[in-house]
């Protein structure tokens, strides 16, 4: 099975690949929620990366060793550091919020991508785009609730996952210009596992059989999701396939309902719709340079 898709403009296939990746990411979120009930966050992050790397080995074994050679090591490092930080924040939120809410906060990243490009690259955007971003942040307030609870640590950390995820997404899209999907995910898994092993060793708790299974599932789901997502971005610009990321929230809500009997309240549901629409418009209205990023 070959998942090293070559870059090419194919929006339809990119959309299907992105939808498949969202299903995998929702499964990863449910696995992490199970694991978070037993293990420290550092152990869960390490387990997800370690098992994710193991899940990638069959694809690495089937290809030549030179397929891992890269001329962009520091871009891989930036992708790993930002992605690992986003993951740690995301998993922390998953363990303390409804799964769908944590997932939606994480996927607020399209709202931050223009901000990241503006601050980091000096790119300017149409006025209408900033208005859409403002609407999206109103949606986030509805999800988090405009009360003192808005500043609860889990909500703030969940939002930080979206901001850090925006940096990681911009980097992934840049890497797909020259790097195949397997190589991108390999370097993230290898570097991420090495970095995550340090805090995990300090907070280590011997996993039970159930925890081992949850960690293994999170790694497998995440690796498949990343391969599919990276391939989707290689097929089409973020403005065309990025909005499909919000299907993860739908799948997560279904898992919330079926596994934990939890349903979002009216304000959260309304906020989710607003954020989804605003995030999709933000991706579509970004200038050409940002779509390529």
Foldseek 3Di string as FASTA:
>chain_A
DDLQDAFAADLVLLQVLLLLLLLLQLLLLVLLLVLLVPADLLQLLLLLLQLLLVLLVVNCVVDDPCLLDDPPVVLLVLLQVLLSLLSSLLSLLSNPDQSLLLLLLLLLLLLQLVVCCCVVVVDDADPVLVVLSVLLVVLLCLQCPPDPSSVPPSNVSSNVSSNSVSSNVLSLLVCSVPHTQSSSSNSSSVVSNVVSVVVCVVRPDDDDPSSSVSSNSSSNSNNSSSSSNSSSSSHHFCLSNVLSSLVSSVSNQVCCCPPVVDHDDPSNVVSSVSSSVSSSVSSNRGDPVSRSD
